[in-house]
Amino acid sequence: MVPILLALASILVWSTLALFTSQTASLPPLFSVGAALGIGGLAGLFRVRDWRIPPATLAVGVGGIFGYHALLFAAFRLAPAVEVNLINYLWPLLIVVLSPVYLRGFELRPGHAVGALLGLAGAFLVVGGGRFSLNPEGLPGHLMAAAAAFIWATYSLLTKRVPPFSTGAVGLFCLISGALSLALWAGLDLAATGSVRLPPMTGREALFLIFLGLGPMGLAFYTWDAALKRGDPRIIGSLAYLTPLLSTFNLVVAGGKTLTWATVAALALIMAGAVVGSYGGRRRTGGTA
């Protein structure tokens, strides 16, 4: 039960990402990501003793967090946002289907596959409104979004495979990933304008940037790591489809969006997927590799 609660905590916090990001929309995306990850990393300084980890573990952590965000934001620059989001939400399905590839004792059963596919259908209704259309001109962006989904799923699973490390080390992953994001933003800005200047920012934008760093790009990474270390990734992957649904509800309640039939139908599909996926994971053989 504890891993499920930790996963749900991550999902609940991640559901605020779209709302908080919408309040910082005027800021350069890579700058926002870098600053927020930096804040999330600094929040973990009280566990700095846990930052002594093998280089391979550090590569997995930074490669997952930085690689995912860098590819995702690049995808948003090259393809329509709805199309990118649809492809991005393959990552919970990939966590489910790749579990037996990366980990021993987590074979894929029909219940897991059906639960993940129901969740994918629900996410499709939420993000795409029931419409599926990919513009061929956005193919580079589509490929980057798919790569981002693969990297996040791989990172999530490899944290169970590398030598055991404390969740406190996630602060180091965030801090280095934030520094790399800021360096990439600065490099692109220098190439485009010949100089690097901090973007103008209102007090409200700065406040929501802090919220991003402490919440969906900080705390959620810590609880996600703790959930995956302790729980069944096939079940957690099925639950992860609650993220776009709860995000939509947040936008309805606080952002003035309208609740549609697609959202209601998505709720039924995602909840059914979570139940089926959880039932399919009640037995397990062996341990991790």
Protein backbone atom coordinates (compact mmCIF):
# COMPACT_ATOMS: atom_id res chain seq x y z
CA MET A 1 0.00 0.00 0.00
CA VAL A 2 2.85 2.43 0.78
CA PRO A 3 4.27 2.32 -2.79
CA ILE A 4 0.78 3.00 -4.20
CA LEU A 5 0.35 5.99 -1.88
CA LEU A 6 3.78 7.34 -2.85
CA ALA A 7 2.95 6.92 -6.55
CA LEU A 8 -0.40 8.65 -6.08
CA ALA A 9 1.38 11.49 -4.27
CA SER A 10 3.65 11.96 -7.30
CA ILE A 11 0.68 11.81 -9.68
CA LEU A 12 -1.26 14.34 -7.60
CA VAL A 13 1.68 16.77 -7.55
CA TRP A 14 2.41 16.25 -11.27
CA SER A 15 -1.22 17.09 -12.02
CA THR A 16 -0.41 20.72 -11.06
CA LEU A 17 2.34 20.96 -13.70
CA ALA A 18 0.13 22.28 -16.51
CA LEU A 19 -1.56 24.81 -14.21
CA PHE A 20 1.72 26.13 -12.79
CA THR A 21 3.41 26.12 -16.20
CA SER A 22 0.57 28.17 -17.66
CA GLN A 23 1.43 30.88 -15.12
CA THR A 24 5.02 31.05 -16.39
CA ALA A 25 4.21 30.78 -20.11
CA SER A 26 6.05 33.99 -21.01
CA LEU A 27 9.39 32.58 -19.79
CA PRO A 28 11.68 30.55 -22.10
CA PRO A 29 10.78 26.86 -21.52
CA LEU A 30 14.36 25.64 -21.00
CA PHE A 31 15.00 28.49 -18.56
CA SER A 32 11.86 27.56 -16.60
CA VAL A 33 12.83 23.88 -16.55
CA GLY A 34 16.40 24.64 -15.48
CA ALA A 35 15.37 27.03 -12.72
CA ALA A 36 12.63 24.72 -11.43
CA LEU A 37 14.91 21.65 -11.41
CA GLY A 38 17.57 23.70 -9.65
CA ILE A 39 15.08 24.65 -6.95
CA GLY A 40 13.99 21.01 -6.66
CA GLY A 41 17.61 19.95 -6.30
CA LEU A 42 18.47 22.61 -3.72
CA ALA A 43 15.46 21.50 -1.68
CA GLY A 44 17.28 18.19 -1.22
CA LEU A 45 20.47 19.70 0.21
CA PHE A 46 19.57 18.49 3.69
CA ARG A 47 20.21 14.97 2.34
CA VAL A 48 23.50 15.89 0.67
CA ARG A 49 25.20 12.95 2.38
CA ASP A 50 23.13 10.70 0.12
CA TRP A 51 24.70 12.24 -2.99
CA ARG A 52 27.69 9.88 -2.87
CA ILE A 53 26.62 7.46 -5.58
CA PRO A 54 28.39 5.49 -8.33
CA PRO A 55 28.91 7.29 -11.68
CA ALA A 56 26.61 4.79 -13.45
CA THR A 57 23.76 5.61 -11.06
CA LEU A 58 24.36 9.33 -11.57
CA ALA A 59 24.27 8.82 -15.35
CA VAL A 60 20.93 7.03 -15.10
CA GLY A 61 19.43 9.78 -12.93
CA VAL A 62 20.69 12.76 -14.92
CA GLY A 63 20.10 11.02 -18.23
CA GLY A 64 16.50 10.33 -17.22
CA ILE A 65 15.53 13.70 -15.79
CA PHE A 66 17.52 15.97 -18.10
CA GLY A 67 17.13 13.77 -21.19
CA TYR A 68 13.37 13.55 -20.78
CA HIS A 69 12.82 17.28 -20.37
CA ALA A 70 15.28 18.34 -23.07
CA LEU A 71 13.67 16.02 -25.64
CA LEU A 72 10.14 16.89 -24.61
CA PHE A 73 10.62 20.65 -24.89
CA ALA A 74 12.43 20.20 -28.19
CA ALA A 75 9.42 18.20 -29.38
CA PHE A 76 7.08 21.04 -28.42
CA ARG A 77 9.12 23.36 -30.65
CA LEU A 78 8.84 21.02 -33.65
CA ALA A 79 5.28 19.66 -33.49
CA PRO A 80 1.82 20.75 -32.24
CA ALA A 81 1.42 20.49 -28.46
CA VAL A 82 -1.57 18.12 -28.59
CA GLU A 83 0.32 15.67 -30.81
CA VAL A 84 3.39 15.82 -28.59
CA ASN A 85 1.31 15.24 -25.46
CA LEU A 86 -0.43 12.24 -26.99
CA ILE A 87 2.89 10.59 -27.82
CA ASN A 88 4.47 11.63 -24.52
CA TYR A 89 1.80 9.76 -22.56
CA LEU A 90 3.12 6.50 -23.94
CA TRP A 91 5.53 6.46 -20.98
CA PRO A 92 3.17 4.78 -18.48
CA LEU A 93 2.45 2.06 -21.07
CA LEU A 94 6.18 1.68 -21.71
CA ILE A 95 6.83 1.26 -17.98
CA VAL A 96 4.37 -1.64 -17.98
CA VAL A 97 5.57 -3.40 -21.13
CA LEU A 98 9.29 -2.84 -20.50
CA SER A 99 9.20 -4.13 -16.91
CA PRO A 100 10.03 -7.73 -17.93
CA VAL A 101 12.79 -6.43 -20.23
CA TYR A 102 14.69 -4.56 -17.51
CA LEU A 103 13.67 -6.48 -14.39
CA ARG A 104 13.54 -10.15 -13.43
CA GLY A 105 10.37 -11.40 -11.75
CA PHE A 106 8.06 -8.80 -13.32
CA GLU A 107 6.70 -10.72 -16.30
CA LEU A 108 3.90 -9.12 -18.30
CA ARG A 109 0.49 -10.70 -17.74
CA PRO A 110 -2.72 -10.00 -19.69
CA GLY A 111 -4.12 -7.94 -16.82
CA HIS A 112 -1.16 -5.58 -16.90
CA ALA A 113 -1.38 -5.10 -20.67
CA VAL A 114 -5.16 -4.55 -20.64
CA GLY A 115 -4.93 -2.11 -17.72
CA ALA A 116 -2.19 -0.10 -19.42
CA LEU A 117 -4.09 0.03 -22.72
CA LEU A 118 -7.28 1.19 -20.97
CA GLY A 119 -5.24 3.92 -19.31
CA LEU A 120 -3.73 4.89 -22.65
CA ALA A 121 -7.22 5.16 -24.16
CA GLY A 122 -8.26 7.38 -21.26
CA ALA A 123 -5.21 9.62 -21.67
CA PHE A 124 -5.98 9.80 -25.40
CA LEU A 125 -9.48 11.10 -24.62
CA VAL A 126 -8.17 13.68 -22.16
CA VAL A 127 -5.27 15.01 -24.21
CA GLY A 128 -6.64 14.56 -27.72
CA GLY A 129 -10.34 15.06 -27.05
CA GLY A 130 -11.07 11.79 -28.82
CA ARG A 131 -9.37 12.91 -32.02
CA PHE A 132 -6.20 11.37 -33.38
CA SER A 133 -4.34 13.32 -36.04
CA LEU A 134 -0.61 13.50 -36.62
CA ASN A 135 0.79 16.05 -39.05
CA PRO A 136 3.63 14.48 -41.09
CA GLU A 137 5.47 17.81 -40.96
CA GLY A 138 5.84 17.33 -37.24
CA LEU A 139 7.63 13.97 -37.57
CA PRO A 140 10.90 15.18 -35.96
CA GLY A 141 8.89 16.41 -32.98
CA HIS A 142 6.91 13.17 -32.83
CA LEU A 143 10.12 11.15 -32.75
CA MET A 144 11.56 13.32 -29.98
CA ALA A 145 8.37 12.96 -27.94
CA ALA A 146 8.53 9.17 -28.36
CA ALA A 147 12.19 9.20 -27.33
CA ALA A 148 11.31 11.29 -24.27
CA ALA A 149 8.63 8.78 -23.26
CA PHE A 150 11.08 5.90 -23.71
CA ILE A 151 13.76 7.67 -21.65
CA TRP A 152 11.38 8.40 -18.75
CA ALA A 153 10.12 4.81 -18.70
CA THR A 154 13.70 3.50 -18.85
CA TYR A 155 14.86 5.82 -16.07
CA SER A 156 11.91 4.78 -13.90
CA LEU A 157 12.72 1.09 -14.30
CA LEU A 158 16.51 1.33 -14.08
CA THR A 159 16.28 2.92 -10.63
CA LYS A 160 15.24 -0.58 -9.49
CA ARG A 161 18.14 -2.22 -11.31
CA VAL A 162 21.18 -0.11 -10.40
CA PRO A 163 22.85 -0.69 -7.03
CA PRO A 164 20.55 0.51 -4.21
CA PHE A 165 20.77 4.24 -3.50
CA SER A 166 18.92 6.62 -1.24
CA THR A 167 16.03 8.66 -2.62
CA GLY A 168 17.93 11.70 -1.33
CA ALA A 169 20.26 11.33 -4.34
CA VAL A 170 17.39 12.52 -6.56
CA GLY A 171 18.31 16.03 -5.39
CA LEU A 172 21.66 15.66 -7.13
CA PHE A 173 19.94 14.39 -10.29
CA CYS A 174 17.68 17.47 -10.29
CA LEU A 175 20.49 19.93 -9.55
CA ILE A 176 22.76 18.69 -12.35
CA SER A 177 19.82 18.39 -14.77
CA GLY A 178 18.80 21.96 -13.92
CA ALA A 179 22.33 23.23 -14.56
CA LEU A 180 22.43 21.44 -17.92
CA SER A 181 19.03 22.88 -18.89
CA LEU A 182 20.17 26.40 -18.02
CA ALA A 183 23.40 25.88 -19.95
CA LEU A 184 21.42 24.70 -22.99
CA TRP A 185 19.09 27.71 -22.72
CA ALA A 186 22.05 30.08 -22.43
CA GLY A 187 23.81 28.47 -25.39
CA LEU A 188 20.75 28.73 -27.62
CA ASP A 189 20.14 32.32 -26.52
CA LEU A 190 23.76 33.22 -27.22
CA ALA A 191 23.58 31.64 -30.66
CA ALA A 192 20.35 33.46 -31.50
CA THR A 193 21.04 36.94 -30.08
CA GLY A 194 24.80 37.10 -29.46
CA SER A 195 24.28 37.61 -25.73
CA VAL A 196 22.69 35.99 -22.69
CA ARG A 197 20.23 37.93 -20.58
CA LEU A 198 17.93 36.79 -17.83
CA PRO A 199 14.33 36.94 -19.06
CA PRO A 200 12.13 39.61 -17.47
CA MET A 201 9.97 38.09 -14.76
CA THR A 202 7.09 39.34 -12.63
CA GLY A 203 6.76 38.51 -8.95
CA ARG A 204 3.84 36.22 -9.76
CA GLU A 205 5.89 34.32 -12.34
CA ALA A 206 8.76 33.95 -9.88
CA LEU A 207 6.35 32.58 -7.27
CA PHE A 208 4.93 29.97 -9.64
CA LEU A 209 8.46 29.06 -10.74
CA ILE A 210 9.22 28.29 -7.09
CA PHE A 211 6.01 26.25 -6.87
CA LEU A 212 7.15 24.28 -9.94
CA GLY A 213 10.52 23.58 -8.36
CA LEU A 214 9.15 22.55 -4.98
CA GLY A 215 6.26 20.51 -6.39
CA PRO A 216 6.02 18.84 -9.83
CA MET A 217 9.72 19.29 -10.61
CA GLY A 218 10.97 18.58 -7.10
CA LEU A 219 8.91 16.67 -4.54
CA ALA A 220 7.22 14.52 -7.19
CA PHE A 221 10.57 13.12 -8.37
CA TYR A 222 11.46 12.09 -4.80
CA THR A 223 8.16 10.33 -4.13
CA TRP A 224 8.22 8.71 -7.61
CA ASP A 225 11.66 7.26 -6.93
CA ALA A 226 10.55 5.96 -3.53
CA ALA A 227 7.40 4.41 -5.03
CA LEU A 228 9.25 2.58 -7.79
CA LYS A 229 11.90 1.28 -5.41
CA ARG A 230 9.26 -0.28 -3.19
CA GLY A 231 6.46 -1.15 -5.58
CA ASP A 232 5.45 -3.03 -8.71
CA PRO A 233 6.20 -0.87 -11.78
CA ARG A 234 3.44 -2.57 -13.77
CA ILE A 235 0.80 -1.38 -11.31
CA ILE A 236 2.40 2.06 -10.91
CA GLY A 237 2.55 2.46 -14.68
CA SER A 238 -1.19 1.83 -14.92
CA LEU A 239 -1.89 4.37 -12.15
CA ALA A 240 0.25 7.01 -13.88
CA TYR A 241 -2.51 7.64 -16.43
CA LEU A 242 -4.33 9.53 -13.68
CA THR A 243 -1.83 12.36 -14.27
CA PRO A 244 -3.40 13.89 -17.42
CA LEU A 245 -6.89 13.37 -16.01
CA LEU A 246 -6.17 15.14 -12.71
CA SER A 247 -4.27 17.83 -14.62
CA THR A 248 -7.40 18.49 -16.68
CA PHE A 249 -9.53 18.68 -13.53
CA ASN A 250 -7.12 21.24 -12.06
CA LEU A 251 -7.43 23.34 -15.20
CA VAL A 252 -11.23 23.06 -14.99
CA VAL A 253 -11.36 24.11 -11.34
CA ALA A 254 -8.62 26.75 -11.28
CA GLY A 255 -7.99 27.57 -14.92
CA GLY A 256 -11.48 28.18 -16.24
CA LYS A 257 -11.53 25.21 -18.63
CA THR A 258 -14.75 23.35 -19.46
CA LEU A 259 -15.43 19.76 -18.37
CA THR A 260 -16.24 17.67 -21.45
CA TRP A 261 -17.72 14.24 -22.14
CA ALA A 262 -14.22 13.09 -23.07
CA THR A 263 -12.97 13.84 -19.55
CA VAL A 264 -15.82 11.90 -17.93
CA ALA A 265 -15.29 8.93 -20.25
CA ALA A 266 -11.55 9.11 -19.59
CA LEU A 267 -12.18 8.86 -15.85
CA ALA A 268 -14.05 5.59 -16.35
CA LEU A 269 -11.36 4.16 -18.64
CA ILE A 270 -8.44 5.17 -16.41
CA MET A 271 -10.07 3.89 -13.23
CA ALA A 272 -10.93 0.61 -14.99
CA GLY A 273 -7.34 0.39 -16.21
CA ALA A 274 -5.98 0.97 -12.71
CA VAL A 275 -8.23 -1.73 -11.24
CA VAL A 276 -7.42 -4.28 -13.97
CA GLY A 277 -3.70 -3.45 -13.83
CA SER A 278 -3.63 -3.79 -10.05
CA TYR A 279 -5.43 -7.13 -10.17
CA GLY A 280 -2.95 -8.38 -12.75
CA GLY A 281 -0.05 -7.61 -10.45
CA ARG A 282 -1.03 -9.53 -7.36
CA ARG A 283 1.43 -12.31 -8.02
CA ARG A 284 5.12 -11.86 -8.57
CA THR A 285 7.99 -14.23 -9.12
CA GLY A 286 11.54 -13.49 -8.11
CA GLY A 287 13.24 -10.11 -7.66
CA THR A 288 14.98 -7.44 -9.63
CA ALA A 289 18.05 -7.94 -11.77
